[in-house]
Amino acid sequence: MSTLTDHHYSIFAISDAALTIDFGNEIHSSLNQKVIALNHCIYSHPFAGFIETVPAYSSLTVFYDVYLVKQSISTEYTAFEIVKTYLEKALSGIQTSAKAESRLVKIPVCYGGSFGPDLDWLCNFTGLNAASIIELHTSVTYQVYMTGFLPGFPYMGIVNENIAAPRKNEPSLKVAAGSVGIAGKQTGIYPLDSPGGWQILGRTPLRLFDPERNEPVLIKAGDQVRFYSIDEHAFNNWEG
């Protein structure tokens, strides 16, 4: 059985206290699984001086305390070389078939109308009616590749090719928090009011980012997300 070291990757420093391991410059679920598996391994068995990671589509950036890393091992190697060696050993122990445990997060969405101002546009673009688009959008369990842009904004894929759509030519000045959109073959949720260029299909009453919670971010890289449709009454009376 092969391990992650059998697959192409590169490790390079991005600062004195951070490095990135890159598995390839493309959006693909298999590459993202490598990122998530390695990320899980690091948090399960952190090295001395480890601070945090930032998972992306096909890369993982690791931040560390240079002093603590150097103090952990009596060697002339640099902190970068020590962490690089740690990652290479971690990779050699991760089977390519292994998958880190992931949560399934179910997201209620009120589609169309004032909640989904671009649903009619998407109907014209795809030639499908609103019911078909909603059915296709809710029929997939999406993989969360990464979060970014805004705190807790999840980049997810892959949407059904029949409803894939380009970003807007001119971004909207304000997209409401909770808005669910499509851009290319990805879907995402705006956690805060923000300008944005994704095609907005609906809105969820859930708060994706709340700094007062023990876990401020609702959805994390490696999670699985499933949308389901609710009506306006349910949206307006949603609790929790």
C-alpha atoms as a PDB file:
ATOM      1  CA  MET A   1       0.000   0.000   0.000  1.00  0.00           C
ATOM      2  CA  SER A   2       1.421   3.389  -0.981  1.00  0.00           C
ATOM      3  CA  THR A   3       1.977   6.342   1.323  1.00  0.00           C
ATOM      4  CA  LEU A   4       1.873  10.070   0.670  1.00  0.00           C
ATOM      5  CA  THR A   5       5.645  10.113   0.134  1.00  0.00           C
ATOM      6  CA  ASP A   6       5.041   8.088  -3.042  1.00  0.00           C
ATOM      7  CA  HIS A   7       3.252  11.081  -4.546  1.00  0.00           C
ATOM      8  CA  HIS A   8       4.799  14.293  -5.829  1.00  0.00           C
ATOM      9  CA  TYR A   9       5.052  17.186  -3.415  1.00  0.00           C
ATOM     10  CA  SER A  10       7.367  20.071  -2.619  1.00  0.00           C
ATOM     11  CA  ILE A  11       8.200  21.738   0.692  1.00  0.00           C
ATOM     12  CA  PHE A  12       9.437  25.314   0.788  1.00  0.00           C
ATOM     13  CA  ALA A  13       9.827  28.097   3.338  1.00  0.00           C
ATOM     14  CA  ILE A  14       7.566  31.133   3.069  1.00  0.00           C
ATOM     15  CA  SER A  15       9.113  32.929   6.067  1.00  0.00           C
ATOM     16  CA  ASP A  16      11.510  32.241   8.931  1.00  0.00           C
ATOM     17  CA  ALA A  17       8.634  30.701  10.882  1.00  0.00           C
ATOM     18  CA  ALA A  18       6.430  29.053   8.268  1.00  0.00           C
ATOM     19  CA  LEU A  19       6.635  26.568   5.432  1.00  0.00           C
ATOM     20  CA  THR A  20       4.272  25.194   2.828  1.00  0.00           C
ATOM     21  CA  ILE A  21       3.928  21.677   1.496  1.00  0.00           C
ATOM     22  CA  ASP A  22       2.380  21.683  -1.971  1.00  0.00           C
ATOM     23  CA  PHE A  23       0.842  18.589  -3.596  1.00  0.00           C
ATOM     24  CA  GLY A  24       0.038  20.192  -6.952  1.00  0.00           C
ATOM     25  CA  ASN A  25      -1.548  23.328  -8.308  1.00  0.00           C
ATOM     26  CA  GLU A  26      -5.081  22.134  -9.020  1.00  0.00           C
ATOM     27  CA  ILE A  27      -8.467  21.656  -7.390  1.00  0.00           C
ATOM     28  CA  HIS A  28      -9.060  17.938  -6.977  1.00  0.00           C
ATOM     29  CA  SER A  29     -10.655  15.966  -4.164  1.00  0.00           C
ATOM     30  CA  SER A  30      -7.810  13.425  -4.011  1.00  0.00           C
ATOM     31  CA  LEU A  31      -5.200  16.154  -3.534  1.00  0.00           C
ATOM     32  CA  ASN A  32      -7.318  17.842  -0.902  1.00  0.00           C
ATOM     33  CA  GLN A  33      -7.667  14.526   0.945  1.00  0.00           C
ATOM     34  CA  LYS A  34      -3.869  14.444   1.252  1.00  0.00           C
ATOM     35  CA  VAL A  35      -3.891  17.928   2.734  1.00  0.00           C
ATOM     36  CA  ILE A  36      -6.625  17.046   5.231  1.00  0.00           C
ATOM     37  CA  ALA A  37      -4.963  13.750   6.228  1.00  0.00           C
ATOM     38  CA  LEU A  38      -1.624  15.463   6.873  1.00  0.00           C
ATOM     39  CA  ASN A  39      -3.322  18.286   8.757  1.00  0.00           C
ATOM     40  CA  HIS A  40      -5.099  15.763  10.983  1.00  0.00           C
ATOM     41  CA  CYS A  41      -1.798  13.962  11.621  1.00  0.00           C
ATOM     42  CA  ILE A  42      -0.040  17.179  12.682  1.00  0.00           C
ATOM     43  CA  TYR A  43      -2.750  18.117  15.168  1.00  0.00           C
ATOM     44  CA  SER A  44      -2.864  14.551  16.510  1.00  0.00           C
ATOM     45  CA  HIS A  45       0.926  14.426  16.962  1.00  0.00           C
ATOM     46  CA  PRO A  46       2.196  18.025  17.091  1.00  0.00           C
ATOM     47  CA  PHE A  47       5.912  18.736  17.118  1.00  0.00           C
ATOM     48  CA  ALA A  48       7.533  21.027  19.691  1.00  0.00           C
ATOM     49  CA  GLY A  49       7.006  24.621  18.623  1.00  0.00           C
ATOM     50  CA  PHE A  50       3.981  23.930  16.434  1.00  0.00           C
ATOM     51  CA  ILE A  51       1.563  26.890  16.269  1.00  0.00           C
ATOM     52  CA  GLU A  52      -1.081  26.283  13.614  1.00  0.00           C
ATOM     53  CA  THR A  53      -1.783  25.228  10.043  1.00  0.00           C
ATOM     54  CA  VAL A  54      -3.658  26.782   7.148  1.00  0.00           C
ATOM     55  CA  PRO A  55      -5.090  24.127   4.786  1.00  0.00           C
ATOM     56  CA  ALA A  56      -5.747  25.117   1.180  1.00  0.00           C
ATOM     57  CA  TYR A  57      -6.974  23.244  -1.904  1.00  0.00           C
ATOM     58  CA  SER A  58      -3.774  21.299  -2.508  1.00  0.00           C
ATOM     59  CA  SER A  59      -1.295  22.701  -0.009  1.00  0.00           C
ATOM     60  CA  LEU A  60      -0.782  23.051   3.715  1.00  0.00           C
ATOM     61  CA  THR A  61       1.044  25.922   5.391  1.00  0.00           C
ATOM     62  CA  VAL A  62       2.564  25.200   8.797  1.00  0.00           C
ATOM     63  CA  PHE A  63       3.460  27.938  11.288  1.00  0.00           C
ATOM     64  CA  TYR A  64       5.914  27.311  14.102  1.00  0.00           C
ATOM     65  CA  ASP A  65       7.953  28.980  16.844  1.00  0.00           C
ATOM     66  CA  VAL A  66      11.549  28.963  15.609  1.00  0.00           C
ATOM     67  CA  TYR A  67      13.034  29.142  19.111  1.00  0.00           C
ATOM     68  CA  LEU A  68      10.959  26.243  20.480  1.00  0.00           C
ATOM     69  CA  VAL A  69      11.644  24.097  17.422  1.00  0.00           C
ATOM     70  CA  LYS A  70      15.392  24.656  17.779  1.00  0.00           C
ATOM     71  CA  GLN A  71      15.286  24.011  21.526  1.00  0.00           C
ATOM     72  CA  SER A  72      13.532  20.679  21.038  1.00  0.00           C
ATOM     73  CA  ILE A  73      16.449  19.040  19.235  1.00  0.00           C
ATOM     74  CA  SER A  74      20.182  19.392  19.849  1.00  0.00           C
ATOM     75  CA  THR A  75      21.288  19.878  16.270  1.00  0.00           C
ATOM     76  CA  GLU A  76      22.804  22.388  13.897  1.00  0.00           C
ATOM     77  CA  TYR A  77      19.845  22.074  11.557  1.00  0.00           C
ATOM     78  CA  THR A  78      17.618  25.088  10.999  1.00  0.00           C
ATOM     79  CA  ALA A  79      14.038  25.178  12.262  1.00  0.00           C
ATOM     80  CA  PHE A  80      12.877  24.816   8.655  1.00  0.00           C
ATOM     81  CA  GLU A  81      14.957  21.648   8.189  1.00  0.00           C
ATOM     82  CA  ILE A  82      13.676  20.174  11.462  1.00  0.00           C
ATOM     83  CA  VAL A  83      10.020  20.783  10.592  1.00  0.00           C
ATOM     84  CA  LYS A  84      10.578  19.589   7.024  1.00  0.00           C
ATOM     85  CA  THR A  85      12.003  16.318   8.355  1.00  0.00           C
ATOM     86  CA  TYR A  86       9.035  15.953  10.705  1.00  0.00           C
ATOM     87  CA  LEU A  87       6.607  16.405   7.796  1.00  0.00           C
ATOM     88  CA  GLU A  88       8.445  13.904   5.615  1.00  0.00           C
ATOM     89  CA  LYS A  89       8.284  11.312   8.389  1.00  0.00           C
ATOM     90  CA  ALA A  90       4.604  12.069   8.928  1.00  0.00           C
ATOM     91  CA  LEU A  91       3.915  11.654   5.217  1.00  0.00           C
ATOM     92  CA  SER A  92       5.645   8.286   5.158  1.00  0.00           C
ATOM     93  CA  GLY A  93       3.240   7.008   7.796  1.00  0.00           C
ATOM     94  CA  ILE A  94       0.022   8.164   6.143  1.00  0.00           C
ATOM     95  CA  GLN A  95      -1.583   5.681   3.769  1.00  0.00           C
ATOM     96  CA  THR A  96      -2.978   7.226   0.599  1.00  0.00           C
ATOM     97  CA  SER A  97      -6.235   5.400   1.231  1.00  0.00           C
ATOM     98  CA  ALA A  98      -6.514   6.769   4.764  1.00  0.00           C
ATOM     99  CA  LYS A  99      -9.051   9.510   5.343  1.00  0.00           C
ATOM    100  CA  ALA A 100      -9.224  11.749   8.365  1.00  0.00           C
ATOM    101  CA  GLU A 101     -12.528  11.671  10.186  1.00  0.00           C
ATOM    102  CA  SER A 102     -14.880  14.328   8.881  1.00  0.00           C
ATOM    103  CA  ARG A 103     -18.135  15.779  10.107  1.00  0.00           C
ATOM    104  CA  LEU A 104     -21.291  15.990   8.059  1.00  0.00           C
ATOM    105  CA  VAL A 105     -22.766  19.458   8.489  1.00  0.00           C
ATOM    106  CA  LYS A 106     -26.335  19.926   7.259  1.00  0.00           C
ATOM    107  CA  ILE A 107     -27.154  23.464   6.138  1.00  0.00           C
ATOM    108  CA  PRO A 108     -30.751  24.727   5.752  1.00  0.00           C
ATOM    109  CA  VAL A 109     -31.205  27.149   2.850  1.00  0.00           C
ATOM    110  CA  CYS A 110     -34.109  29.307   1.744  1.00  0.00           C
ATOM    111  CA  TYR A 111     -33.694  29.479  -2.038  1.00  0.00           C
ATOM    112  CA  GLY A 112     -34.768  32.244  -4.402  1.00  0.00           C
ATOM    113  CA  GLY A 113     -36.628  35.503  -3.892  1.00  0.00           C
ATOM    114  CA  SER A 114     -34.850  38.112  -1.804  1.00  0.00           C
ATOM    115  CA  PHE A 115     -32.752  35.331  -0.264  1.00  0.00           C
ATOM    116  CA  GLY A 116     -31.425  34.140  -3.635  1.00  0.00           C
ATOM    117  CA  PRO A 117     -31.386  37.139  -5.985  1.00  0.00           C
ATOM    118  CA  ASP A 118     -29.381  35.340  -8.679  1.00  0.00           C
ATOM    119  CA  LEU A 119     -31.491  32.188  -8.908  1.00  0.00           C
ATOM    120  CA  ASP A 120     -33.520  33.598 -11.812  1.00  0.00           C
ATOM    121  CA  TRP A 121     -30.290  34.531 -13.611  1.00  0.00           C
ATOM    122  CA  LEU A 122     -29.001  30.987 -13.127  1.00  0.00           C
ATOM    123  CA  CYS A 123     -32.250  29.612 -14.563  1.00  0.00           C
ATOM    124  CA  ASN A 124     -31.692  31.666 -17.719  1.00  0.00           C
ATOM    125  CA  PHE A 125     -28.015  30.730 -17.853  1.00  0.00           C
ATOM    126  CA  THR A 126     -28.555  26.984 -17.467  1.00  0.00           C
ATOM    127  CA  GLY A 127     -31.962  26.595 -19.102  1.00  0.00           C
ATOM    128  CA  LEU A 128     -33.211  24.823 -15.974  1.00  0.00           C
ATOM    129  CA  ASN A 129     -36.126  25.820 -13.785  1.00  0.00           C
ATOM    130  CA  ALA A 130     -35.640  26.848 -10.166  1.00  0.00           C
ATOM    131  CA  ALA A 131     -36.865  23.531  -8.761  1.00  0.00           C
ATOM    132  CA  SER A 132     -34.328  21.590 -10.849  1.00  0.00           C
ATOM    133  CA  ILE A 133     -31.463  23.856  -9.787  1.00  0.00           C
ATOM    134  CA  ILE A 134     -32.401  23.506  -6.124  1.00  0.00           C
ATOM    135  CA  GLU A 135     -32.666  19.734  -6.491  1.00  0.00           C
ATOM    136  CA  LEU A 136     -29.218  19.542  -8.099  1.00  0.00           C
ATOM    137  CA  HIS A 137     -27.661  21.831  -5.504  1.00  0.00           C
ATOM    138  CA  THR A 138     -29.088  19.842  -2.589  1.00  0.00           C
ATOM    139  CA  SER A 139     -28.370  16.393  -4.053  1.00  0.00           C
ATOM    140  CA  VAL A 140     -24.592  16.498  -3.524  1.00  0.00           C
ATOM    141  CA  THR A 141     -22.526  16.024  -0.385  1.00  0.00           C
ATOM    142  CA  TYR A 142     -19.821  18.663  -0.769  1.00  0.00           C
ATOM    143  CA  GLN A 143     -16.239  18.449   0.399  1.00  0.00           C
ATOM    144  CA  VAL A 144     -14.905  21.535   2.186  1.00  0.00           C
ATOM    145  CA  TYR A 145     -11.558  22.179   0.542  1.00  0.00           C
ATOM    146  CA  MET A 146     -10.551  25.198   2.594  1.00  0.00           C
ATOM    147  CA  THR A 147     -11.822  28.275   4.386  1.00  0.00           C
ATOM    148  CA  GLY A 148     -10.735  31.816   3.661  1.00  0.00           C
ATOM    149  CA  PHE A 149     -11.566  35.179   2.079  1.00  0.00           C
ATOM    150  CA  LEU A 150     -13.732  35.907   5.139  1.00  0.00           C
ATOM    151  CA  PRO A 151     -13.512  34.173   8.548  1.00  0.00           C
ATOM    152  CA  GLY A 152     -15.177  30.799   8.094  1.00  0.00           C
ATOM    153  CA  PHE A 153     -16.036  31.165   4.386  1.00  0.00           C
ATOM    154  CA  PRO A 154     -16.053  27.527   3.139  1.00  0.00           C
ATOM    155  CA  TYR A 155     -14.932  26.719  -0.401  1.00  0.00           C
ATOM    156  CA  MET A 156     -16.756  23.526  -1.368  1.00  0.00           C
ATOM    157  CA  GLY A 157     -17.131  21.290  -4.374  1.00  0.00           C
ATOM    158  CA  ILE A 158     -17.839  19.951  -6.704  1.00  0.00           C
ATOM    159  CA  VAL A 159     -21.222  21.268  -7.881  1.00  0.00           C
ATOM    160  CA  ASN A 160     -23.133  19.426 -10.570  1.00  0.00           C
ATOM    161  CA  GLU A 161     -21.785  20.573 -13.948  1.00  0.00           C
ATOM    162  CA  ASN A 162     -25.303  21.495 -15.064  1.00  0.00           C
ATOM    163  CA  ILE A 163     -25.444  24.344 -12.536  1.00  0.00           C
ATOM    164  CA  ALA A 164     -21.796  25.443 -12.636  1.00  0.00           C
ATOM    165  CA  ALA A 165     -21.698  29.158 -13.418  1.00  0.00           C
ATOM    166  CA  PRO A 166     -19.147  31.967 -13.733  1.00  0.00           C
ATOM    167  CA  ARG A 167     -18.690  34.721 -11.198  1.00  0.00           C
ATOM    168  CA  LYS A 168     -20.458  38.001 -11.792  1.00  0.00           C
ATOM    169  CA  ASN A 169     -18.779  40.455 -14.146  1.00  0.00           C
ATOM    170  CA  GLU A 170     -19.302  43.137 -11.517  1.00  0.00           C
ATOM    171  CA  PRO A 171     -19.331  42.049  -7.859  1.00  0.00           C
ATOM    172  CA  SER A 172     -22.271  43.028  -5.684  1.00  0.00           C
ATOM    173  CA  LEU A 173     -21.444  45.754  -3.177  1.00  0.00           C
ATOM    174  CA  LYS A 174     -23.179  43.870  -0.372  1.00  0.00           C
ATOM    175  CA  VAL A 175     -23.916  40.171  -0.048  1.00  0.00           C
ATOM    176  CA  ALA A 176     -25.847  39.276   3.110  1.00  0.00           C
ATOM    177  CA  ALA A 177     -24.337  37.020   5.749  1.00  0.00           C
ATOM    178  CA  GLY A 178     -25.489  33.432   5.211  1.00  0.00           C
ATOM    179  CA  SER A 179     -25.801  33.810   1.440  1.00  0.00           C
ATOM    180  CA  VAL A 180     -25.134  30.598  -0.482  1.00  0.00           C
ATOM    181  CA  GLY A 181     -23.544  30.996  -3.888  1.00  0.00           C
ATOM    182  CA  ILE A 182     -21.928  29.289  -6.846  1.00  0.00           C
ATOM    183  CA  ALA A 183     -18.750  30.278  -8.671  1.00  0.00           C
ATOM    184  CA  GLY A 184     -17.425  27.904 -11.304  1.00  0.00           C
ATOM    185  CA  LYS A 185     -17.750  24.382  -9.942  1.00  0.00           C
ATOM    186  CA  GLN A 186     -17.613  25.523  -6.343  1.00  0.00           C
ATOM    187  CA  THR A 187     -20.257  26.514  -3.850  1.00  0.00           C
ATOM    188  CA  GLY A 188     -19.734  28.632  -0.763  1.00  0.00           C
ATOM    189  CA  ILE A 189     -21.427  30.499   2.068  1.00  0.00           C
ATOM    190  CA  TYR A 190     -20.761  34.097   3.060  1.00  0.00           C
ATOM    191  CA  PRO A 191     -20.308  34.173   6.856  1.00  0.00           C
ATOM    192  CA  LEU A 192     -20.524  37.978   7.071  1.00  0.00           C
ATOM    193  CA  ASP A 193     -22.029  40.841   5.106  1.00  0.00           C
ATOM    194  CA  SER A 194     -19.505  41.521   2.374  1.00  0.00           C
ATOM    195  CA  PRO A 195     -19.001  42.561  -1.229  1.00  0.00           C
ATOM    196  CA  GLY A 196     -18.887  39.481  -3.434  1.00  0.00           C
ATOM    197  CA  GLY A 197     -19.085  38.127  -6.947  1.00  0.00           C
ATOM    198  CA  TRP A 198     -20.619  34.673  -6.523  1.00  0.00           C
ATOM    199  CA  GLN A 199     -24.053  33.870  -7.972  1.00  0.00           C
ATOM    200  CA  ILE A 200     -26.362  33.847  -4.927  1.00  0.00           C
ATOM    201  CA  LEU A 201     -29.004  31.096  -4.877  1.00  0.00           C
ATOM    202  CA  GLY A 202     -30.287  31.357  -1.323  1.00  0.00           C
ATOM    203  CA  ARG A 203     -29.466  32.067   2.292  1.00  0.00           C
ATOM    204  CA  THR A 204     -29.051  30.027   5.459  1.00  0.00           C
ATOM    205  CA  PRO A 205     -30.241  31.213   8.885  1.00  0.00           C
ATOM    206  CA  LEU A 206     -27.200  29.595  10.509  1.00  0.00           C
ATOM    207  CA  ARG A 207     -24.325  31.779  11.697  1.00  0.00           C
ATOM    208  CA  LEU A 208     -21.149  30.479  10.113  1.00  0.00           C
ATOM    209  CA  PHE A 209     -18.919  32.738  12.175  1.00  0.00           C
ATOM    210  CA  ASP A 210     -19.551  33.792  15.759  1.00  0.00           C
ATOM    211  CA  PRO A 211     -16.553  35.014  17.795  1.00  0.00           C
ATOM    212  CA  GLU A 212     -18.522  34.420  21.016  1.00  0.00           C
ATOM    213  CA  ARG A 213     -18.774  30.656  20.445  1.00  0.00           C
ATOM    214  CA  ASN A 214     -16.166  28.240  21.785  1.00  0.00           C
ATOM    215  CA  GLU A 215     -15.685  27.221  18.155  1.00  0.00           C
ATOM    216  CA  PRO A 216     -16.197  30.495  16.252  1.00  0.00           C
ATOM    217  CA  VAL A 217     -16.194  28.813  12.830  1.00  0.00           C
ATOM    218  CA  LEU A 218     -19.088  26.462  12.048  1.00  0.00           C
ATOM    219  CA  ILE A 219     -17.549  24.709   9.022  1.00  0.00           C
ATOM    220  CA  LYS A 220     -13.906  23.669   8.716  1.00  0.00           C
ATOM    221  CA  ALA A 221     -11.649  22.275   6.011  1.00  0.00           C
ATOM    222  CA  GLY A 222     -12.202  18.528   5.713  1.00  0.00           C
ATOM    223  CA  ASP A 223     -15.873  18.677   6.688  1.00  0.00           C
ATOM    224  CA  GLN A 224     -18.659  17.405   4.452  1.00  0.00           C
ATOM    225  CA  VAL A 225     -21.651  19.669   3.804  1.00  0.00           C
ATOM    226  CA  ARG A 226     -25.152  18.852   2.657  1.00  0.00           C
ATOM    227  CA  PHE A 227     -27.730  21.545   1.862  1.00  0.00           C
ATOM    228  CA  TYR A 228     -31.478  21.152   2.299  1.00  0.00           C
ATOM    229  CA  SER A 229     -34.267  23.498   1.295  1.00  0.00           C
ATOM    230  CA  ILE A 230     -36.496  25.366   3.764  1.00  0.00           C
ATOM    231  CA  ASP A 231     -39.251  27.923   3.168  1.00  0.00           C
ATOM    232  CA  GLU A 232     -39.302  31.584   4.182  1.00  0.00           C
ATOM    233  CA  HIS A 233     -41.439  30.918   7.256  1.00  0.00           C
ATOM    234  CA  ALA A 234     -38.927  28.374   8.564  1.00  0.00           C
ATOM    235  CA  PHE A 235     -36.077  30.791   7.843  1.00  0.00           C
ATOM    236  CA  ASN A 236     -37.686  33.663   9.738  1.00  0.00           C
ATOM    237  CA  ASN A 237     -38.528  31.460  12.715  1.00  0.00           C
ATOM    238  CA  TRP A 238     -35.230  29.600  12.849  1.00  0.00           C
ATOM    239  CA  GLU A 239     -33.668  29.273  16.282  1.00  0.00           C
ATOM    240  CA  GLY A 240     -30.147  28.194  17.125  1.00  0.00           C
END
